Amino acid sequence: MSNASETVFQGTDQYYLSPELGAIVNMAMAMEKPLLLTGEPGTGKTQLAFEISRSLGMELEVLRAKSTIRGEEACYVQDTVLRLNDARFGTEASGRDVNQFYDYVIWGPIGRAFRAEKRCVLLLDEIDKTESDVQDNLLDVLEDMEFTIREVNETIKARQRPVIIITSNAKRELSDPFLRRCFAHHIAFPDEAEMREILDLHFDTLDEKLVEVALKIFYDLRSRGLEKAPATSELIHWIEALQRSGKMPESLTDLPFPGILMKRAADLQNYRAGRI
């Protein structure tokens, strides 16, 4: 943990890091605080954890949150079915011992992060899908840097405090106790100038006329009240498709490959009917 303050993330060749986001990312790492990222899908919340991992050479552990998850299984689960099977049929071939509890433990992302020899990145993705008591339980574990294995009454303490990135799409309100324990940053959708910088990271060469027209159409389309507005990833894929095909979009009413920008059936149907 002593080198936490020396770890600095400066963005990557695939990730545009705004000055404000860079400042809070690095302060969260230095002060060993969880960083909660909010923002609409496609703004790079999840990708940030992957890029920190890649840039700083840290292993990445990912907890994909879902409504049915329990805090305990993020740390560990016991494979009771395997243990019963071994008790019935024997363990000569496997080398497991039914009397050894840890032979049947499957470590979850938090458990693996705590047991890692080197500091790693721990991503809790879409935490807002979980219930508030699960959220608070997870933050208790991450704040204390330990959890108890109930079956053997043993405490697992973190060897290194991980870099903790938490994402939320604001589908459900997070509790006040949860928010108090985190640093927070809202990633606003990039404006046109920022989007050009993002595109420069993803393309070696770009036709300026193509970019100008594509961006105008893209932001116009986002303003039309779609069920799912196109995000940065859709723009990148669309421009790549335009480059590959050699097509130049003329206007919003005559788009090449509209299914790259619009993914919901209702949006595509409204577009084809001229209602967008």
C-alpha atoms as a PDB file:
ATOM      1  CA  MET A   1       0.000   0.000   0.000  1.00  0.00           C
ATOM      2  CA  SER A   2       2.932   2.319   0.456  1.00  0.00           C
ATOM      3  CA  ASN A   3       3.254   3.026  -3.265  1.00  0.00           C
ATOM      4  CA  ALA A   4      -0.373   4.124  -3.730  1.00  0.00           C
ATOM      5  CA  SER A   5       0.507   7.815  -3.904  1.00  0.00           C
ATOM      6  CA  GLU A   6       3.143   7.132  -6.558  1.00  0.00           C
ATOM      7  CA  THR A   7       0.656   5.581  -9.006  1.00  0.00           C
ATOM      8  CA  VAL A   8      -0.468   8.036 -11.682  1.00  0.00           C
ATOM      9  CA  PHE A   9      -2.873   7.389 -14.545  1.00  0.00           C
ATOM     10  CA  GLN A  10      -2.493   9.723 -17.519  1.00  0.00           C
ATOM     11  CA  GLY A  11      -4.937   8.229 -20.000  1.00  0.00           C
ATOM     12  CA  THR A  12      -3.998   5.890 -22.833  1.00  0.00           C
ATOM     13  CA  ASP A  13      -3.863   5.730 -26.591  1.00  0.00           C
ATOM     14  CA  GLN A  14      -7.437   4.408 -26.450  1.00  0.00           C
ATOM     15  CA  TYR A  15      -8.931   6.545 -23.692  1.00  0.00           C
ATOM     16  CA  TYR A  16      -9.451  10.293 -23.609  1.00  0.00           C
ATOM     17  CA  LEU A  17      -8.948  11.519 -20.043  1.00  0.00           C
ATOM     18  CA  SER A  18     -10.366  14.958 -19.317  1.00  0.00           C
ATOM     19  CA  PRO A  19      -8.396  17.055 -16.803  1.00  0.00           C
ATOM     20  CA  GLU A  20     -11.218  16.884 -14.224  1.00  0.00           C
ATOM     21  CA  LEU A  21     -11.590  13.116 -14.508  1.00  0.00           C
ATOM     22  CA  GLY A  22      -7.820  12.622 -14.438  1.00  0.00           C
ATOM     23  CA  ALA A  23      -7.531  14.667 -11.268  1.00  0.00           C
ATOM     24  CA  ILE A  24     -10.139  12.731  -9.307  1.00  0.00           C
ATOM     25  CA  VAL A  25      -8.988   9.331 -10.603  1.00  0.00           C
ATOM     26  CA  ASN A  26      -5.481   9.950  -9.376  1.00  0.00           C
ATOM     27  CA  MET A  27      -6.610  11.471  -6.083  1.00  0.00           C
ATOM     28  CA  ALA A  28      -8.859   8.461  -5.439  1.00  0.00           C
ATOM     29  CA  MET A  29      -5.919   6.135  -6.087  1.00  0.00           C
ATOM     30  CA  ALA A  30      -3.583   8.183  -3.890  1.00  0.00           C
ATOM     31  CA  MET A  31      -6.077   8.384  -1.010  1.00  0.00           C
ATOM     32  CA  GLU A  32      -7.233   4.785  -1.545  1.00  0.00           C
ATOM     33  CA  LYS A  33     -10.894   5.721  -1.930  1.00  0.00           C
ATOM     34  CA  PRO A  34     -13.502   4.023  -4.142  1.00  0.00           C
ATOM     35  CA  LEU A  35     -14.344   6.132  -7.189  1.00  0.00           C
ATOM     36  CA  LEU A  36     -18.000   6.131  -8.232  1.00  0.00           C
ATOM     37  CA  LEU A  37     -18.556   6.976 -11.894  1.00  0.00           C
ATOM     38  CA  THR A  38     -21.968   7.964 -13.239  1.00  0.00           C
ATOM     39  CA  GLY A  39     -23.052   8.936 -16.722  1.00  0.00           C
ATOM     40  CA  GLU A  40     -25.094   7.598 -19.592  1.00  0.00           C
ATOM     41  CA  PRO A  41     -24.048   4.322 -21.232  1.00  0.00           C
ATOM     42  CA  GLY A  42     -21.205   4.756 -23.685  1.00  0.00           C
ATOM     43  CA  THR A  43     -19.346   7.516 -21.859  1.00  0.00           C
ATOM     44  CA  GLY A  44     -16.429   5.270 -20.877  1.00  0.00           C
ATOM     45  CA  LYS A  45     -17.205   4.445 -17.234  1.00  0.00           C
ATOM     46  CA  THR A  46     -16.426   0.750 -17.453  1.00  0.00           C
ATOM     47  CA  GLN A  47     -13.613   1.194 -19.952  1.00  0.00           C
ATOM     48  CA  LEU A  48     -11.767   3.457 -17.509  1.00  0.00           C
ATOM     49  CA  ALA A  49     -11.098   0.528 -15.171  1.00  0.00           C
ATOM     50  CA  PHE A  50      -9.771  -1.570 -18.058  1.00  0.00           C
ATOM     51  CA  GLU A  51      -7.502   1.248 -19.215  1.00  0.00           C
ATOM     52  CA  ILE A  52      -6.131   1.888 -15.706  1.00  0.00           C
ATOM     53  CA  SER A  53      -5.362  -1.815 -15.493  1.00  0.00           C
ATOM     54  CA  ARG A  54      -3.692  -1.874 -18.913  1.00  0.00           C
ATOM     55  CA  SER A  55      -1.777   1.360 -18.479  1.00  0.00           C
ATOM     56  CA  LEU A  56      -0.434   0.665 -14.986  1.00  0.00           C
ATOM     57  CA  GLY A  57       0.155  -3.058 -15.458  1.00  0.00           C
ATOM     58  CA  MET A  58      -2.326  -4.066 -12.760  1.00  0.00           C
ATOM     59  CA  GLU A  59      -4.499  -7.166 -12.793  1.00  0.00           C
ATOM     60  CA  LEU A  60      -8.218  -6.461 -13.152  1.00  0.00           C
ATOM     61  CA  GLU A  61     -11.004  -8.121 -11.175  1.00  0.00           C
ATOM     62  CA  VAL A  62     -14.571  -7.445 -12.316  1.00  0.00           C
ATOM     63  CA  LEU A  63     -17.836  -7.823 -10.431  1.00  0.00           C
ATOM     64  CA  ARG A  64     -20.763  -7.551 -12.860  1.00  0.00           C
ATOM     65  CA  ALA A  65     -23.587  -6.489 -10.582  1.00  0.00           C
ATOM     66  CA  LYS A  66     -27.068  -7.941 -10.957  1.00  0.00           C
ATOM     67  CA  SER A  67     -30.274  -7.727  -8.971  1.00  0.00           C
ATOM     68  CA  THR A  68     -29.892 -11.204  -7.472  1.00  0.00           C
ATOM     69  CA  ILE A  69     -26.308 -10.892  -6.286  1.00  0.00           C
ATOM     70  CA  ARG A  70     -25.444 -11.258  -2.604  1.00  0.00           C
ATOM     71  CA  GLY A  71     -22.465  -9.499  -1.054  1.00  0.00           C
ATOM     72  CA  GLU A  72     -21.013 -12.769   0.167  1.00  0.00           C
ATOM     73  CA  GLU A  73     -20.701 -14.302  -3.299  1.00  0.00           C
ATOM     74  CA  ALA A  74     -18.642 -11.318  -4.427  1.00  0.00           C
ATOM     75  CA  CYS A  75     -16.093 -12.528  -1.868  1.00  0.00           C
ATOM     76  CA  TYR A  76     -16.390 -16.315  -2.016  1.00  0.00           C
ATOM     77  CA  VAL A  77     -18.741 -19.249  -2.405  1.00  0.00           C
ATOM     78  CA  GLN A  78     -18.396 -22.845  -1.285  1.00  0.00           C
ATOM     79  CA  ASP A  79     -18.941 -25.488  -3.969  1.00  0.00           C
ATOM     80  CA  THR A  80     -21.127 -27.725  -1.824  1.00  0.00           C
ATOM     81  CA  VAL A  81     -22.245 -29.845  -4.778  1.00  0.00           C
ATOM     82  CA  LEU A  82     -18.648 -30.751  -5.624  1.00  0.00           C
ATOM     83  CA  ARG A  83     -17.909 -31.478  -1.979  1.00  0.00           C
ATOM     84  CA  LEU A  84     -20.901 -33.809  -1.690  1.00  0.00           C
ATOM     85  CA  ASN A  85     -19.942 -35.470  -4.941  1.00  0.00           C
ATOM     86  CA  ASP A  86     -16.382 -36.020  -3.704  1.00  0.00           C
ATOM     87  CA  ALA A  87     -17.670 -37.422  -0.403  1.00  0.00           C
ATOM     88  CA  ARG A  88     -19.752 -39.906  -2.338  1.00  0.00           C
ATOM     89  CA  PHE A  89     -17.347 -40.949  -5.075  1.00  0.00           C
ATOM     90  CA  GLY A  90     -13.912 -40.188  -3.627  1.00  0.00           C
ATOM     91  CA  THR A  91     -11.193 -37.686  -4.470  1.00  0.00           C
ATOM     92  CA  GLU A  92      -8.240 -39.857  -5.476  1.00  0.00           C
ATOM     93  CA  ALA A  93      -8.017 -38.425  -8.994  1.00  0.00           C
ATOM     94  CA  SER A  94      -8.611 -34.787  -8.037  1.00  0.00           C
ATOM     95  CA  GLY A  95      -6.319 -34.490  -5.040  1.00  0.00           C
ATOM     96  CA  ARG A  96      -9.027 -32.673  -3.078  1.00  0.00           C
ATOM     97  CA  ASP A  97      -9.805 -33.520   0.543  1.00  0.00           C
ATOM     98  CA  VAL A  98     -13.446 -33.352   1.644  1.00  0.00           C
ATOM     99  CA  ASN A  99     -12.239 -32.454   5.134  1.00  0.00           C
ATOM    100  CA  GLN A 100     -10.414 -29.369   3.833  1.00  0.00           C
ATOM    101  CA  PHE A 101     -12.892 -26.525   3.490  1.00  0.00           C
ATOM    102  CA  TYR A 102     -10.649 -24.400   1.259  1.00  0.00           C
ATOM    103  CA  ASP A 103     -10.433 -27.161  -1.347  1.00  0.00           C
ATOM    104  CA  TYR A 104     -14.033 -26.230  -2.163  1.00  0.00           C
ATOM    105  CA  VAL A 105     -13.881 -22.439  -2.018  1.00  0.00           C
ATOM    106  CA  ILE A 106     -14.406 -20.466  -5.219  1.00  0.00           C
ATOM    107  CA  TRP A 107     -13.090 -16.947  -4.703  1.00  0.00           C
ATOM    108  CA  GLY A 108     -15.174 -14.082  -6.044  1.00  0.00           C
ATOM    109  CA  PRO A 109     -13.740 -10.869  -7.538  1.00  0.00           C
ATOM    110  CA  ILE A 110     -13.332  -9.210  -4.127  1.00  0.00           C
ATOM    111  CA  GLY A 111     -11.781 -12.336  -2.656  1.00  0.00           C
ATOM    112  CA  ARG A 112      -9.291 -12.574  -5.527  1.00  0.00           C
ATOM    113  CA  ALA A 113      -8.464  -8.864  -5.271  1.00  0.00           C
ATOM    114  CA  PHE A 114      -7.832  -9.139  -1.501  1.00  0.00           C
ATOM    115  CA  ARG A 115      -5.641 -12.215  -1.890  1.00  0.00           C
ATOM    116  CA  ALA A 116      -3.559 -10.789  -4.746  1.00  0.00           C
ATOM    117  CA  GLU A 117       0.126 -10.248  -3.994  1.00  0.00           C
ATOM    118  CA  LYS A 118       0.205  -6.969  -5.953  1.00  0.00           C
ATOM    119  CA  ARG A 119      -2.201  -4.065  -6.029  1.00  0.00           C
ATOM    120  CA  CYS A 120      -4.907  -4.609  -8.631  1.00  0.00           C
ATOM    121  CA  VAL A 121      -7.937  -2.818 -10.060  1.00  0.00           C
ATOM    122  CA  LEU A 122     -11.345  -3.897  -8.757  1.00  0.00           C
ATOM    123  CA  LEU A 123     -14.332  -2.912 -10.901  1.00  0.00           C
ATOM    124  CA  LEU A 124     -17.867  -3.048  -9.466  1.00  0.00           C
ATOM    125  CA  ASP A 125     -19.837  -2.558 -12.659  1.00  0.00           C
ATOM    126  CA  GLU A 126     -23.423  -1.200 -12.663  1.00  0.00           C
ATOM    127  CA  ILE A 127     -23.737  -1.259  -8.880  1.00  0.00           C
ATOM    128  CA  ASP A 128     -27.160   0.414  -9.149  1.00  0.00           C
ATOM    129  CA  LYS A 129     -28.648  -2.938 -10.230  1.00  0.00           C
ATOM    130  CA  THR A 130     -28.219  -4.264  -6.675  1.00  0.00           C
ATOM    131  CA  GLU A 131     -30.353  -3.666  -3.594  1.00  0.00           C
ATOM    132  CA  SER A 132     -29.242  -0.922  -1.183  1.00  0.00           C
ATOM    133  CA  ASP A 133     -28.394  -3.382   1.599  1.00  0.00           C
ATOM    134  CA  VAL A 134     -26.091  -5.260  -0.790  1.00  0.00           C
ATOM    135  CA  GLN A 135     -24.447  -1.987  -1.809  1.00  0.00           C
ATOM    136  CA  ASP A 136     -23.809  -1.048   1.829  1.00  0.00           C
ATOM    137  CA  ASN A 137     -22.521  -4.540   2.619  1.00  0.00           C
ATOM    138  CA  LEU A 138     -20.046  -4.373  -0.246  1.00  0.00           C
ATOM    139  CA  LEU A 139     -18.815  -0.962   0.869  1.00  0.00           C
ATOM    140  CA  ASP A 140     -18.419  -2.243   4.436  1.00  0.00           C
ATOM    141  CA  VAL A 141     -16.150  -4.979   3.116  1.00  0.00           C
ATOM    142  CA  LEU A 142     -14.186  -2.579   0.905  1.00  0.00           C
ATOM    143  CA  GLU A 143     -13.827   0.009   3.663  1.00  0.00           C
ATOM    144  CA  ASP A 144     -12.638  -2.520   6.244  1.00  0.00           C
ATOM    145  CA  MET A 145     -10.557  -4.389   3.654  1.00  0.00           C
ATOM    146  CA  GLU A 146     -11.622  -7.700   5.155  1.00  0.00           C
ATOM    147  CA  PHE A 147     -14.438 -10.228   5.193  1.00  0.00           C
ATOM    148  CA  THR A 148     -15.259 -13.265   7.284  1.00  0.00           C
ATOM    149  CA  ILE A 149     -15.718 -16.789   5.989  1.00  0.00           C
ATOM    150  CA  ARG A 150     -18.636 -17.871   8.143  1.00  0.00           C
ATOM    151  CA  GLU A 151     -18.204 -21.606   7.732  1.00  0.00           C
ATOM    152  CA  VAL A 152     -14.782 -21.605   9.410  1.00  0.00           C
ATOM    153  CA  ASN A 153     -15.016 -18.233  11.208  1.00  0.00           C
ATOM    154  CA  GLU A 154     -11.854 -16.967   9.551  1.00  0.00           C
ATOM    155  CA  THR A 155     -11.166 -13.412   8.459  1.00  0.00           C
ATOM    156  CA  ILE A 156      -9.583 -12.711   5.078  1.00  0.00           C
ATOM    157  CA  LYS A 157      -7.690  -9.427   5.113  1.00  0.00           C
ATOM    158  CA  ALA A 158      -6.569  -7.626   1.971  1.00  0.00           C
ATOM    159  CA  ARG A 159      -2.859  -7.908   1.242  1.00  0.00           C
ATOM    160  CA  GLN A 160      -3.037  -4.750  -0.875  1.00  0.00           C
ATOM    161  CA  ARG A 161      -5.840  -2.201  -1.074  1.00  0.00           C
ATOM    162  CA  PRO A 162      -7.081  -2.366  -4.678  1.00  0.00           C
ATOM    163  CA  VAL A 163      -7.892   0.559  -6.945  1.00  0.00           C
ATOM    164  CA  ILE A 164     -11.694   0.491  -6.712  1.00  0.00           C
ATOM    165  CA  ILE A 165     -13.802   1.754  -9.616  1.00  0.00           C
ATOM    166  CA  ILE A 166     -17.595   1.629  -9.249  1.00  0.00           C
ATOM    167  CA  THR A 167     -19.990   2.424 -12.091  1.00  0.00           C
ATOM    168  CA  SER A 168     -23.673   3.334 -12.038  1.00  0.00           C
ATOM    169  CA  ASN A 169     -26.171   4.090 -14.791  1.00  0.00           C
ATOM    170  CA  ALA A 170     -28.505   5.668 -12.199  1.00  0.00           C
ATOM    171  CA  LYS A 171     -31.198   3.029 -12.695  1.00  0.00           C
ATOM    172  CA  ARG A 172     -31.668   3.049  -8.910  1.00  0.00           C
ATOM    173  CA  GLU A 173     -30.725   5.608  -6.265  1.00  0.00           C
ATOM    174  CA  LEU A 174     -27.632   4.757  -4.239  1.00  0.00           C
ATOM    175  CA  SER A 175     -27.878   5.065  -0.469  1.00  0.00           C
ATOM    176  CA  ASP A 176     -26.415   8.030   1.405  1.00  0.00           C
ATOM    177  CA  PRO A 177     -24.040   5.806   3.436  1.00  0.00           C
ATOM    178  CA  PHE A 178     -22.765   4.347   0.175  1.00  0.00           C
ATOM    179  CA  LEU A 179     -22.218   7.766  -1.367  1.00  0.00           C
ATOM    180  CA  ARG A 180     -20.436   9.097   1.723  1.00  0.00           C
ATOM    181  CA  ARG A 181     -17.742   6.473   1.368  1.00  0.00           C
ATOM    182  CA  CYS A 182     -16.915   7.220  -2.270  1.00  0.00           C
ATOM    183  CA  PHE A 183     -15.377   9.929  -4.369  1.00  0.00           C
ATOM    184  CA  ALA A 184     -17.759  10.601  -7.257  1.00  0.00           C
ATOM    185  CA  HIS A 185     -17.510  11.871 -10.793  1.00  0.00           C
ATOM    186  CA  HIS A 186     -20.203  12.292 -13.434  1.00  0.00           C
ATOM    187  CA  ILE A 187     -18.859  11.720 -16.936  1.00  0.00           C
ATOM    188  CA  ALA A 188     -20.815  14.082 -19.141  1.00  0.00           C
ATOM    189  CA  PHE A 189     -21.316  13.132 -22.764  1.00  0.00           C
ATOM    190  CA  PRO A 190     -18.406  14.566 -24.791  1.00  0.00           C
ATOM    191  CA  ASP A 191     -18.973  17.809 -26.627  1.00  0.00           C
ATOM    192  CA  GLU A 192     -17.851  18.064 -30.250  1.00  0.00           C
ATOM    193  CA  ALA A 193     -14.323  19.240 -29.415  1.00  0.00           C
ATOM    194  CA  GLU A 194     -13.800  16.384 -26.959  1.00  0.00           C
ATOM    195  CA  MET A 195     -15.292  13.923 -29.415  1.00  0.00           C
ATOM    196  CA  ARG A 196     -12.748  14.945 -32.029  1.00  0.00           C
ATOM    197  CA  GLU A 197      -9.975  14.184 -29.555  1.00  0.00           C
ATOM    198  CA  ILE A 198     -11.535  10.790 -28.864  1.00  0.00           C
ATOM    199  CA  LEU A 199     -11.742  10.038 -32.585  1.00  0.00           C
ATOM    200  CA  ASP A 200      -8.090  10.992 -33.020  1.00  0.00           C
ATOM    201  CA  LEU A 201      -7.186   8.300 -30.472  1.00  0.00           C
ATOM    202  CA  HIS A 202      -9.097   5.639 -32.410  1.00  0.00           C
ATOM    203  CA  PHE A 203      -8.121   6.467 -35.998  1.00  0.00           C
ATOM    204  CA  ASP A 204      -4.675   6.947 -37.532  1.00  0.00           C
ATOM    205  CA  THR A 205      -6.091   9.063 -40.351  1.00  0.00           C
ATOM    206  CA  LEU A 206      -9.459  10.729 -40.779  1.00  0.00           C
ATOM    207  CA  ASP A 207     -10.969  12.636 -43.655  1.00  0.00           C
ATOM    208  CA  GLU A 208     -11.802  16.052 -42.208  1.00  0.00           C
ATOM    209  CA  LYS A 209     -14.890  16.475 -44.380  1.00  0.00           C
ATOM    210  CA  LEU A 210     -16.181  13.060 -43.308  1.00  0.00           C
ATOM    211  CA  VAL A 211     -15.655  13.858 -39.634  1.00  0.00           C
ATOM    212  CA  GLU A 212     -17.344  17.232 -39.939  1.00  0.00           C
ATOM    213  CA  VAL A 213     -20.439  15.791 -41.628  1.00  0.00           C
ATOM    214  CA  ALA A 214     -20.568  12.693 -39.397  1.00  0.00           C
ATOM    215  CA  LEU A 215     -20.381  14.728 -36.196  1.00  0.00           C
ATOM    216  CA  LYS A 216     -23.091  17.135 -37.344  1.00  0.00           C
ATOM    217  CA  ILE A 217     -25.444  14.237 -38.122  1.00  0.00           C
ATOM    218  CA  PHE A 218     -24.490  12.343 -34.966  1.00  0.00           C
ATOM    219  CA  TYR A 219     -25.264  15.204 -32.578  1.00  0.00           C
ATOM    220  CA  ASP A 220     -28.413  16.076 -34.526  1.00  0.00           C
ATOM    221  CA  LEU A 221     -29.575  12.466 -34.177  1.00  0.00           C
ATOM    222  CA  ARG A 222     -28.853  12.480 -30.435  1.00  0.00           C
ATOM    223  CA  SER A 223     -31.156  15.487 -30.044  1.00  0.00           C
ATOM    224  CA  ARG A 224     -34.141  13.722 -31.631  1.00  0.00           C
ATOM    225  CA  GLY A 225     -35.405  11.971 -28.489  1.00  0.00           C
ATOM    226  CA  LEU A 226     -34.519   8.402 -29.440  1.00  0.00           C
ATOM    227  CA  GLU A 227     -35.222   5.526 -27.073  1.00  0.00           C
ATOM    228  CA  LYS A 228     -31.473   4.885 -27.153  1.00  0.00           C
ATOM    229  CA  ALA A 229     -29.377   7.797 -28.328  1.00  0.00           C
ATOM    230  CA  PRO A 230     -26.186   6.715 -30.134  1.00  0.00           C
ATOM    231  CA  ALA A 231     -23.108   6.783 -27.907  1.00  0.00           C
ATOM    232  CA  THR A 232     -19.411   7.219 -28.601  1.00  0.00           C
ATOM    233  CA  SER A 233     -18.896   3.570 -29.516  1.00  0.00           C
ATOM    234  CA  GLU A 234     -21.658   3.790 -32.161  1.00  0.00           C
ATOM    235  CA  LEU A 235     -20.056   6.891 -33.667  1.00  0.00           C
ATOM    236  CA  ILE A 236     -16.655   5.198 -33.851  1.00  0.00           C
ATOM    237  CA  HIS A 237     -18.111   2.096 -35.508  1.00  0.00           C
ATOM    238  CA  TRP A 238     -20.165   4.220 -37.912  1.00  0.00           C
ATOM    239  CA  ILE A 239     -17.181   6.282 -39.034  1.00  0.00           C
ATOM    240  CA  GLU A 240     -15.168   3.095 -39.519  1.00  0.00           C
ATOM    241  CA  ALA A 241     -17.985   1.685 -41.665  1.00  0.00           C
ATOM    242  CA  LEU A 242     -18.117   4.913 -43.688  1.00  0.00           C
ATOM    243  CA  GLN A 243     -14.378   4.759 -44.272  1.00  0.00           C
ATOM    244  CA  ARG A 244     -14.499   1.109 -45.309  1.00  0.00           C
ATOM    245  CA  SER A 245     -17.387   1.670 -47.709  1.00  0.00           C
ATOM    246  CA  GLY A 246     -16.200   5.001 -49.056  1.00  0.00           C
ATOM    247  CA  LYS A 247     -19.646   6.469 -48.465  1.00  0.00           C
ATOM    248  CA  MET A 248     -20.231  10.068 -47.414  1.00  0.00           C
ATOM    249  CA  PRO A 249     -23.467  10.764 -45.519  1.00  0.00           C
ATOM    250  CA  GLU A 250     -25.443  13.598 -47.039  1.00  0.00           C
ATOM    251  CA  SER A 251     -28.028  14.347 -44.362  1.00  0.00           C
ATOM    252  CA  LEU A 252     -29.930  12.845 -41.465  1.00  0.00           C
ATOM    253  CA  THR A 253     -32.687  11.712 -43.827  1.00  0.00           C
ATOM    254  CA  ASP A 254     -30.395   9.495 -45.907  1.00  0.00           C
ATOM    255  CA  LEU A 255     -27.956   7.718 -43.608  1.00  0.00           C
ATOM    256  CA  PRO A 256     -25.658   4.904 -44.696  1.00  0.00           C
ATOM    257  CA  PHE A 257     -25.837   2.039 -42.172  1.00  0.00           C
ATOM    258  CA  PRO A 258     -28.482   3.524 -39.838  1.00  0.00           C
ATOM    259  CA  GLY A 259     -28.460   0.271 -37.845  1.00  0.00           C
ATOM    260  CA  ILE A 260     -25.006   1.110 -36.520  1.00  0.00           C
ATOM    261  CA  LEU A 261     -26.245   4.332 -34.929  1.00  0.00           C
ATOM    262  CA  MET A 262     -29.725   3.191 -33.906  1.00  0.00           C
ATOM    263  CA  LYS A 263     -30.161  -0.131 -32.114  1.00  0.00           C
ATOM    264  CA  ARG A 264     -33.761  -0.064 -30.840  1.00  0.00           C
ATOM    265  CA  ALA A 265     -36.410  -1.374 -33.246  1.00  0.00           C
ATOM    266  CA  ALA A 266     -38.736   1.556 -32.525  1.00  0.00           C
ATOM    267  CA  ASP A 267     -36.012   4.073 -33.369  1.00  0.00           C
ATOM    268  CA  LEU A 268     -35.218   2.354 -36.665  1.00  0.00           C
ATOM    269  CA  GLN A 269     -38.914   2.089 -37.560  1.00  0.00           C
ATOM    270  CA  ASN A 270     -39.474   5.788 -36.794  1.00  0.00           C
ATOM    271  CA  TYR A 271     -36.415   6.697 -38.843  1.00  0.00           C
ATOM    272  CA  ARG A 272     -37.547   4.674 -41.841  1.00  0.00           C
ATOM    273  CA  ALA A 273     -41.016   6.213 -41.567  1.00  0.00           C
ATOM    274  CA  GLY A 274     -39.520   9.692 -41.623  1.00  0.00           C
ATOM    275  CA  ARG A 275     -40.526  10.513 -38.069  1.00  0.00           C
ATOM    276  CA  ILE A 276     -36.929  11.245 -36.993  1.00  0.00           C
END
